[in-house]
């Protein structure tokens, strides 16, 4: 098969994050989204004679970290959900979380997600970021690229 040169374009403004009915806006410069599973898919055990075995881990839970500018209106929207979740006796019902790269085929989805940790409050000479950490049940990672 002949190799074809191909130039692709990535535009960070085409990466969208939705949490429930909210579309998050105002991402910070640099890395603004991190999606990861909580545990490795397999663990490996080696015997004294070097024979190895692997154990499959069915835990598909994960976290999604989103870093917003401290000036983003999405901070207030997320904070309202976070406070309502804290003040609700049984907590709010988890909501879908979607990270989609409209440049290509990357799609990460959690059918059930919640705000696991609100950002620390920090102030500096320049505008900073607010890191929101979402916990998820089954996190389907899809870093397919463009």
N, C-alpha and C. Protein backbone atom coordinates (compact mmCIF):
# COMPACT_ATOMS: atom_id res chain seq x y z
N UNK A 1 0.85 -1.18 0.00
CA UNK A 1 0.00 0.00 0.00
C UNK A 1 0.89 1.24 0.00
N UNK A 2 0.66 2.12 -0.92
CA UNK A 2 1.47 3.33 -1.03
C UNK A 2 1.12 4.31 0.08
N UNK A 3 2.16 4.96 0.61
CA UNK A 3 1.97 5.97 1.65
C UNK A 3 1.57 7.27 0.99
N UNK A 4 0.53 7.90 1.48
CA UNK A 4 0.09 9.19 0.95
C UNK A 4 0.35 10.25 1.99
N UNK A 5 1.01 11.31 1.56
CA UNK A 5 1.20 12.44 2.46
C UNK A 5 -0.15 13.08 2.73
N UNK A 6 -0.35 13.44 3.97
CA UNK A 6 -1.63 14.04 4.34
C UNK A 6 -1.39 15.04 5.44
N UNK A 7 -1.83 16.25 5.23
CA UNK A 7 -1.75 17.28 6.25
C UNK A 7 -3.12 17.43 6.88
N UNK A 8 -3.16 17.36 8.20
CA UNK A 8 -4.42 17.53 8.90
C UNK A 8 -4.38 18.80 9.73
N UNK A 9 -5.54 19.26 10.12
CA UNK A 9 -5.64 20.48 10.91
C UNK A 9 -6.39 20.20 12.20
N UNK A 10 -5.84 20.69 13.28
CA UNK A 10 -6.51 20.59 14.58
C UNK A 10 -6.86 22.00 15.02
N UNK A 11 -8.09 22.20 15.42
CA UNK A 11 -8.56 23.50 15.90
C UNK A 11 -9.17 23.29 17.28
N UNK A 12 -8.50 23.75 18.35
CA UNK A 12 -9.01 23.50 19.70
C UNK A 12 -10.40 24.09 19.94
N UNK A 13 -10.80 25.08 19.16
CA UNK A 13 -12.14 25.64 19.34
C UNK A 13 -13.22 24.66 18.87
N UNK A 14 -12.82 23.60 18.20
CA UNK A 14 -13.76 22.60 17.71
C UNK A 14 -13.90 21.40 18.65
N UNK A 15 -13.30 21.49 19.83
CA UNK A 15 -13.46 20.44 20.84
C UNK A 15 -14.55 20.91 21.80
N UNK A 16 -15.60 20.11 21.91
CA UNK A 16 -16.72 20.51 22.76
C UNK A 16 -16.86 19.54 23.93
N UNK A 17 -17.34 20.08 25.04
CA UNK A 17 -17.63 19.28 26.23
C UNK A 17 -19.04 19.62 26.67
N UNK A 18 -19.87 18.59 26.83
CA UNK A 18 -21.20 18.81 27.37
C UNK A 18 -21.36 17.97 28.63
N UNK A 19 -22.00 18.56 29.62
CA UNK A 19 -22.32 17.88 30.87
C UNK A 19 -23.80 18.11 31.10
N UNK A 20 -24.59 17.05 30.96
CA UNK A 20 -26.04 17.21 31.01
C UNK A 20 -26.46 18.15 29.89
N UNK A 21 -27.18 19.20 30.23
CA UNK A 21 -27.63 20.17 29.23
C UNK A 21 -26.64 21.31 29.01
N UNK A 22 -25.54 21.33 29.75
CA UNK A 22 -24.58 22.43 29.64
C UNK A 22 -23.51 22.14 28.60
N UNK A 23 -23.25 23.11 27.73
CA UNK A 23 -22.07 23.04 26.87
C UNK A 23 -21.03 23.97 27.49
N UNK A 24 -19.92 23.39 27.93
CA UNK A 24 -18.91 24.18 28.63
C UNK A 24 -18.16 25.08 27.65
N UNK A 25 -17.82 26.28 28.13
CA UNK A 25 -17.15 27.28 27.31
C UNK A 25 -16.05 27.96 28.12
N UNK A 26 -15.11 28.56 27.40
CA UNK A 26 -14.08 29.34 28.07
C UNK A 26 -12.94 28.49 28.60
N UNK A 27 -12.42 27.60 27.75
CA UNK A 27 -11.32 26.73 28.17
C UNK A 27 -10.02 27.51 28.31
N UNK A 28 -9.19 27.06 29.25
CA UNK A 28 -7.90 27.71 29.46
C UNK A 28 -6.91 27.30 28.37
N UNK A 29 -5.93 28.15 28.15
CA UNK A 29 -4.83 27.88 27.24
C UNK A 29 -4.06 26.66 27.75
N UNK A 30 -3.42 25.94 26.86
CA UNK A 30 -2.67 24.74 27.24
C UNK A 30 -3.59 23.54 27.28
N UNK A 31 -3.23 22.54 28.05
CA UNK A 31 -4.09 21.35 28.17
C UNK A 31 -5.35 21.74 28.93
N UNK A 32 -6.51 21.54 28.28
CA UNK A 32 -7.75 21.95 28.93
C UNK A 32 -8.71 20.80 29.18
N UNK A 33 -8.41 19.60 28.65
CA UNK A 33 -9.23 18.43 28.93
C UNK A 33 -8.31 17.22 29.09
N UNK A 34 -8.56 16.44 30.14
CA UNK A 34 -7.85 15.17 30.34
C UNK A 34 -8.89 14.11 30.66
N UNK A 35 -8.88 13.02 29.91
CA UNK A 35 -9.80 11.91 30.15
C UNK A 35 -8.97 10.67 30.45
N UNK A 36 -9.31 9.95 31.52
CA UNK A 36 -8.52 8.77 31.89
C UNK A 36 -9.37 7.76 32.64
N UNK A 37 -9.07 6.51 32.42
CA UNK A 37 -9.67 5.44 33.21
C UNK A 37 -9.04 5.43 34.59
N UNK A 38 -9.78 4.97 35.58
CA UNK A 38 -9.31 4.94 36.96
C UNK A 38 -8.24 3.86 37.17
N UNK A 39 -8.33 2.78 36.42
CA UNK A 39 -7.40 1.66 36.59
C UNK A 39 -7.00 1.11 35.23
N UNK A 40 -5.87 0.42 35.20
CA UNK A 40 -5.40 -0.22 33.97
C UNK A 40 -6.34 -1.36 33.59
N UNK A 41 -6.42 -1.64 32.29
CA UNK A 41 -7.28 -2.72 31.79
C UNK A 41 -6.80 -4.09 32.27
N UNK A 42 -5.49 -4.26 32.37
CA UNK A 42 -4.91 -5.53 32.82
C UNK A 42 -3.86 -5.28 33.88
N UNK A 43 -3.70 -6.24 34.78
CA UNK A 43 -2.55 -6.28 35.68
C UNK A 43 -1.78 -7.55 35.36
N UNK A 44 -0.48 -7.50 35.55
CA UNK A 44 0.38 -8.63 35.20
C UNK A 44 1.04 -9.18 36.45
N UNK A 45 1.14 -10.48 36.51
CA UNK A 45 1.81 -11.16 37.62
C UNK A 45 2.82 -12.14 37.03
N UNK A 46 4.05 -12.04 37.49
CA UNK A 46 5.10 -12.95 37.04
C UNK A 46 5.42 -13.94 38.14
N UNK A 47 5.57 -15.21 37.76
CA UNK A 47 5.95 -16.24 38.71
C UNK A 47 7.45 -16.28 38.91
N UNK A 48 7.89 -17.09 39.86
CA UNK A 48 9.32 -17.21 40.16
C UNK A 48 10.12 -17.71 38.97
N UNK A 49 9.48 -18.51 38.10
CA UNK A 49 10.19 -19.05 36.94
C UNK A 49 10.03 -18.18 35.70
N UNK A 50 9.40 -17.01 35.86
CA UNK A 50 9.26 -16.08 34.74
C UNK A 50 7.96 -16.21 33.97
N UNK A 51 7.18 -17.24 34.26
CA UNK A 51 5.89 -17.35 33.59
C UNK A 51 5.01 -16.19 34.04
N UNK A 52 4.29 -15.63 33.09
CA UNK A 52 3.45 -14.48 33.43
C UNK A 52 1.99 -14.78 33.14
N UNK A 53 1.16 -14.09 33.85
CA UNK A 53 -0.28 -14.16 33.65
C UNK A 53 -0.83 -12.75 33.78
N UNK A 54 -1.92 -12.51 33.12
CA UNK A 54 -2.55 -11.20 33.25
C UNK A 54 -3.98 -11.39 33.74
N UNK A 55 -4.43 -10.40 34.48
CA UNK A 55 -5.79 -10.40 35.00
C UNK A 55 -6.53 -9.22 34.39
N UNK A 56 -7.66 -9.51 33.80
CA UNK A 56 -8.46 -8.46 33.19
C UNK A 56 -9.26 -7.73 34.26
N UNK A 57 -9.21 -6.42 34.20
CA UNK A 57 -9.93 -5.56 35.14
C UNK A 57 -11.15 -5.00 34.43
N UNK A 58 -12.32 -5.26 34.96
CA UNK A 58 -13.55 -4.80 34.31
C UNK A 58 -14.00 -3.43 34.78
N UNK A 59 -13.23 -2.78 35.64
CA UNK A 59 -13.57 -1.44 36.10
C UNK A 59 -13.38 -0.45 34.95
N UNK A 60 -14.45 0.15 34.50
CA UNK A 60 -14.39 1.12 33.40
C UNK A 60 -14.65 2.54 33.90
N UNK A 61 -14.64 2.73 35.22
CA UNK A 61 -14.83 4.07 35.78
C UNK A 61 -13.65 4.95 35.40
N UNK A 62 -13.85 6.25 35.45
CA UNK A 62 -12.76 7.14 35.10
C UNK A 62 -13.00 8.55 35.59
N UNK A 63 -12.12 9.43 35.15
CA UNK A 63 -12.26 10.85 35.47
C UNK A 63 -12.04 11.68 34.21
N UNK A 64 -12.68 12.81 34.20
CA UNK A 64 -12.48 13.81 33.14
C UNK A 64 -12.17 15.11 33.86
N UNK A 65 -11.02 15.69 33.55
CA UNK A 65 -10.63 16.98 34.11
C UNK A 65 -10.79 18.04 33.03
N UNK A 66 -11.50 19.09 33.36
CA UNK A 66 -11.72 20.20 32.43
C UNK A 66 -11.20 21.46 33.10
N UNK A 67 -10.32 22.18 32.40
CA UNK A 67 -9.77 23.42 32.94
C UNK A 67 -10.36 24.61 32.19
N UNK A 68 -11.09 25.42 32.93
CA UNK A 68 -11.73 26.62 32.38
C UNK A 68 -10.99 27.86 32.85
N UNK A 69 -11.07 28.91 32.06
CA UNK A 69 -10.58 30.21 32.53
C UNK A 69 -11.40 30.60 33.76
N UNK A 70 -10.81 31.28 34.70
CA UNK A 70 -11.57 31.68 35.89
C UNK A 70 -12.70 32.63 35.52
N UNK A 71 -12.65 33.25 34.35
CA UNK A 71 -13.68 34.18 33.90
C UNK A 71 -14.80 33.50 33.11
N UNK A 72 -14.71 32.19 32.88
CA UNK A 72 -15.71 31.47 32.09
C UNK A 72 -17.05 31.44 32.81
N UNK A 73 -18.12 31.71 32.07
CA UNK A 73 -19.48 31.64 32.62
C UNK A 73 -19.82 30.21 33.02
N UNK A 74 -19.15 29.23 32.43
CA UNK A 74 -19.42 27.83 32.77
C UNK A 74 -19.08 27.50 34.21
N UNK A 75 -18.17 28.25 34.82
CA UNK A 75 -17.84 28.03 36.24
C UNK A 75 -19.08 28.22 37.12
N UNK A 76 -19.83 29.27 36.88
CA UNK A 76 -21.03 29.54 37.68
C UNK A 76 -22.09 28.46 37.45
N UNK A 77 -22.23 28.01 36.21
CA UNK A 77 -23.20 26.97 35.89
C UNK A 77 -22.84 25.66 36.59
N UNK A 78 -21.56 25.30 36.53
CA UNK A 78 -21.11 24.07 37.19
C UNK A 78 -21.19 24.18 38.71
N UNK A 79 -20.85 25.36 39.23
CA UNK A 79 -20.93 25.56 40.68
C UNK A 79 -22.36 25.39 41.18
N UNK A 80 -23.33 25.88 40.42
CA UNK A 80 -24.73 25.72 40.81
C UNK A 80 -25.10 24.24 40.88
N UNK A 81 -24.66 23.45 39.91
CA UNK A 81 -24.91 22.01 39.94
C UNK A 81 -24.20 21.35 41.13
N UNK A 82 -22.97 21.76 41.36
CA UNK A 82 -22.18 21.19 42.46
C UNK A 82 -22.84 21.46 43.81
N UNK A 83 -23.29 22.69 44.03
CA UNK A 83 -23.95 23.05 45.29
C UNK A 83 -25.26 22.28 45.45
N UNK A 84 -26.03 22.19 44.36
CA UNK A 84 -27.29 21.44 44.42
C UNK A 84 -27.03 19.97 44.76
N UNK A 85 -25.97 19.40 44.20
CA UNK A 85 -25.62 18.01 44.47
C UNK A 85 -25.21 17.82 45.93
N UNK A 86 -24.43 18.77 46.45
CA UNK A 86 -24.01 18.72 47.87
C UNK A 86 -25.19 18.84 48.82
N UNK A 87 -26.16 19.67 48.46
CA UNK A 87 -27.28 19.95 49.35
C UNK A 87 -28.44 18.97 49.20
N UNK A 88 -28.38 18.10 48.22
CA UNK A 88 -29.43 17.11 48.01
C UNK A 88 -29.13 15.88 48.86
N UNK A 89 -30.14 15.40 49.60
CA UNK A 89 -29.94 14.27 50.52
C UNK A 89 -29.33 13.06 49.82
N UNK A 90 -29.81 12.73 48.66
CA UNK A 90 -29.28 11.57 47.94
C UNK A 90 -28.37 11.94 46.79
N UNK A 91 -28.06 13.21 46.67
CA UNK A 91 -27.25 13.67 45.54
C UNK A 91 -28.09 13.75 44.28
N UNK A 92 -27.65 14.56 43.35
CA UNK A 92 -28.36 14.67 42.07
C UNK A 92 -28.11 13.41 41.24
N UNK A 93 -29.00 13.14 40.31
CA UNK A 93 -28.82 12.02 39.40
C UNK A 93 -27.63 12.32 38.48
N UNK A 94 -26.70 11.38 38.33
CA UNK A 94 -25.59 11.60 37.40
C UNK A 94 -26.10 11.92 35.99
N UNK A 95 -25.33 12.70 35.26
CA UNK A 95 -25.73 13.14 33.92
C UNK A 95 -24.69 12.71 32.89
N UNK A 96 -25.08 12.64 31.62
CA UNK A 96 -24.11 12.29 30.58
C UNK A 96 -23.03 13.36 30.44
N UNK A 97 -21.83 12.90 30.11
CA UNK A 97 -20.69 13.79 29.84
C UNK A 97 -20.11 13.35 28.50
N UNK A 98 -19.93 14.31 27.60
CA UNK A 98 -19.42 14.00 26.26
C UNK A 98 -18.28 14.95 25.93
N UNK A 99 -17.17 14.39 25.43
CA UNK A 99 -16.06 15.18 24.90
C UNK A 99 -15.94 14.79 23.44
N UNK A 100 -16.14 15.75 22.54
CA UNK A 100 -16.15 15.47 21.10
C UNK A 100 -15.22 16.42 20.39
N UNK A 101 -14.34 15.86 19.58
CA UNK A 101 -13.46 16.66 18.72
C UNK A 101 -14.10 16.73 17.34
N UNK A 102 -14.68 17.87 17.01
CA UNK A 102 -15.36 18.04 15.73
C UNK A 102 -14.39 18.07 14.55
N UNK A 103 -13.08 18.17 14.83
CA UNK A 103 -12.07 18.11 13.78
C UNK A 103 -11.96 16.72 13.18
N UNK A 104 -12.30 15.71 13.95
CA UNK A 104 -12.06 14.34 13.51
C UNK A 104 -13.00 13.35 14.14
N UNK A 105 -12.44 12.22 14.59
CA UNK A 105 -13.25 11.11 15.06
C UNK A 105 -13.18 10.86 16.56
N UNK A 106 -12.46 11.67 17.31
CA UNK A 106 -12.31 11.43 18.74
C UNK A 106 -13.62 11.74 19.48
N UNK A 107 -14.03 10.77 20.30
CA UNK A 107 -15.27 10.91 21.05
C UNK A 107 -15.14 10.12 22.35
N UNK A 108 -15.27 10.80 23.47
CA UNK A 108 -15.25 10.16 24.79
C UNK A 108 -16.61 10.41 25.44
N UNK A 109 -17.21 9.34 25.97
CA UNK A 109 -18.57 9.43 26.49
C UNK A 109 -18.68 8.71 27.83
N UNK A 110 -19.38 9.34 28.75
CA UNK A 110 -19.78 8.69 30.00
C UNK A 110 -21.29 8.89 30.13
N UNK A 111 -22.03 7.82 30.20
CA UNK A 111 -23.48 7.91 30.34
C UNK A 111 -23.88 8.50 31.69
N UNK A 112 -23.02 8.29 32.69
CA UNK A 112 -23.27 8.82 34.03
C UNK A 112 -22.01 9.49 34.55
N UNK A 113 -22.13 10.77 34.83
CA UNK A 113 -21.00 11.54 35.37
C UNK A 113 -21.51 12.50 36.42
N UNK A 114 -20.60 12.93 37.26
CA UNK A 114 -20.93 13.85 38.35
C UNK A 114 -19.71 14.71 38.64
N UNK A 115 -19.92 15.83 39.29
CA UNK A 115 -18.79 16.67 39.68
C UNK A 115 -18.18 16.03 40.92
N UNK A 116 -17.00 15.49 40.75
CA UNK A 116 -16.32 14.82 41.85
C UNK A 116 -15.60 15.82 42.75
N UNK A 117 -15.05 16.86 42.12
CA UNK A 117 -14.32 17.87 42.89
C UNK A 117 -14.42 19.21 42.19
N UNK A 118 -14.86 20.20 42.95
CA UNK A 118 -14.90 21.58 42.44
C UNK A 118 -13.48 22.14 42.47
N UNK A 119 -13.23 23.19 41.72
CA UNK A 119 -11.87 23.75 41.67
C UNK A 119 -11.44 24.40 42.98
N UNK A 120 -10.14 24.42 43.17
CA UNK A 120 -9.57 25.26 44.23
C UNK A 120 -9.73 26.70 43.79
N UNK A 121 -9.82 27.59 44.73
CA UNK A 121 -9.95 29.01 44.40
C UNK A 121 -8.58 29.66 44.49
N UNK A 122 -8.10 30.16 43.37
CA UNK A 122 -6.78 30.80 43.31
C UNK A 122 -6.89 32.11 42.55
N UNK A 123 -6.08 33.07 42.96
CA UNK A 123 -6.05 34.37 42.29
C UNK A 123 -4.61 34.77 42.08
N UNK A 124 -4.34 35.44 40.98
CA UNK A 124 -2.98 35.87 40.65
C UNK A 124 -3.05 37.17 39.87
N UNK A 125 -1.89 37.64 39.45
CA UNK A 125 -1.81 38.88 38.68
C UNK A 125 -2.54 38.75 37.34
N UNK A 126 -2.51 37.55 36.78
CA UNK A 126 -3.17 37.30 35.50
C UNK A 126 -4.30 36.30 35.68
N UNK A 127 -5.16 36.23 34.68
CA UNK A 127 -6.28 35.29 34.70
C UNK A 127 -5.75 33.87 34.81
N UNK A 128 -6.31 33.12 35.72
CA UNK A 128 -5.90 31.73 35.92
C UNK A 128 -6.98 30.76 35.47
N UNK A 129 -6.80 29.52 35.86
CA UNK A 129 -7.75 28.47 35.47
C UNK A 129 -8.46 27.88 36.67
N UNK A 130 -9.55 27.20 36.37
CA UNK A 130 -10.33 26.47 37.36
C UNK A 130 -10.46 25.03 36.84
N UNK A 131 -9.95 24.07 37.63
CA UNK A 131 -9.97 22.66 37.21
C UNK A 131 -11.18 21.97 37.84
N UNK A 132 -12.09 21.52 37.00
CA UNK A 132 -13.26 20.76 37.42
C UNK A 132 -12.97 19.29 37.17
N UNK A 133 -13.18 18.45 38.19
CA UNK A 133 -12.94 17.02 38.05
C UNK A 133 -14.28 16.30 38.10
N UNK A 134 -14.56 15.57 37.03
CA UNK A 134 -15.79 14.80 36.92
C UNK A 134 -15.47 13.33 37.14
N UNK A 135 -16.24 12.67 37.98
CA UNK A 135 -16.15 11.22 38.12
C UNK A 135 -17.15 10.59 37.17
N UNK A 136 -16.84 9.39 36.70
CA UNK A 136 -17.74 8.72 35.76
C UNK A 136 -17.90 7.26 36.14
N UNK A 137 -19.00 6.69 35.68
CA UNK A 137 -19.17 5.25 35.74
C UNK A 137 -18.38 4.66 34.58
N UNK A 138 -19.06 4.13 33.61
CA UNK A 138 -18.42 3.54 32.43
C UNK A 138 -17.92 4.65 31.51
N UNK A 139 -16.61 4.87 31.47
CA UNK A 139 -16.01 5.91 30.62
C UNK A 139 -15.52 5.25 29.34
N UNK A 140 -16.16 5.58 28.23
CA UNK A 140 -15.76 5.05 26.92
C UNK A 140 -14.82 6.05 26.26
N UNK A 141 -13.54 5.71 26.30
CA UNK A 141 -12.52 6.58 25.70
C UNK A 141 -12.49 6.36 24.20
N UNK A 142 -12.31 7.45 23.47
CA UNK A 142 -12.26 7.33 22.01
C UNK A 142 -11.29 8.29 21.37
N UNK A 143 -9.99 8.21 21.73
CA UNK A 143 -9.00 9.14 21.14
C UNK A 143 -8.60 8.71 19.74
N UNK A 144 -9.54 8.81 18.78
CA UNK A 144 -9.32 8.31 17.42
C UNK A 144 -8.50 9.25 16.54
N UNK A 145 -8.36 10.50 16.93
CA UNK A 145 -7.59 11.45 16.11
C UNK A 145 -8.43 12.06 15.01
N UNK A 146 -7.74 12.84 14.13
CA UNK A 146 -8.50 13.41 13.02
C UNK A 146 -7.99 12.84 11.75
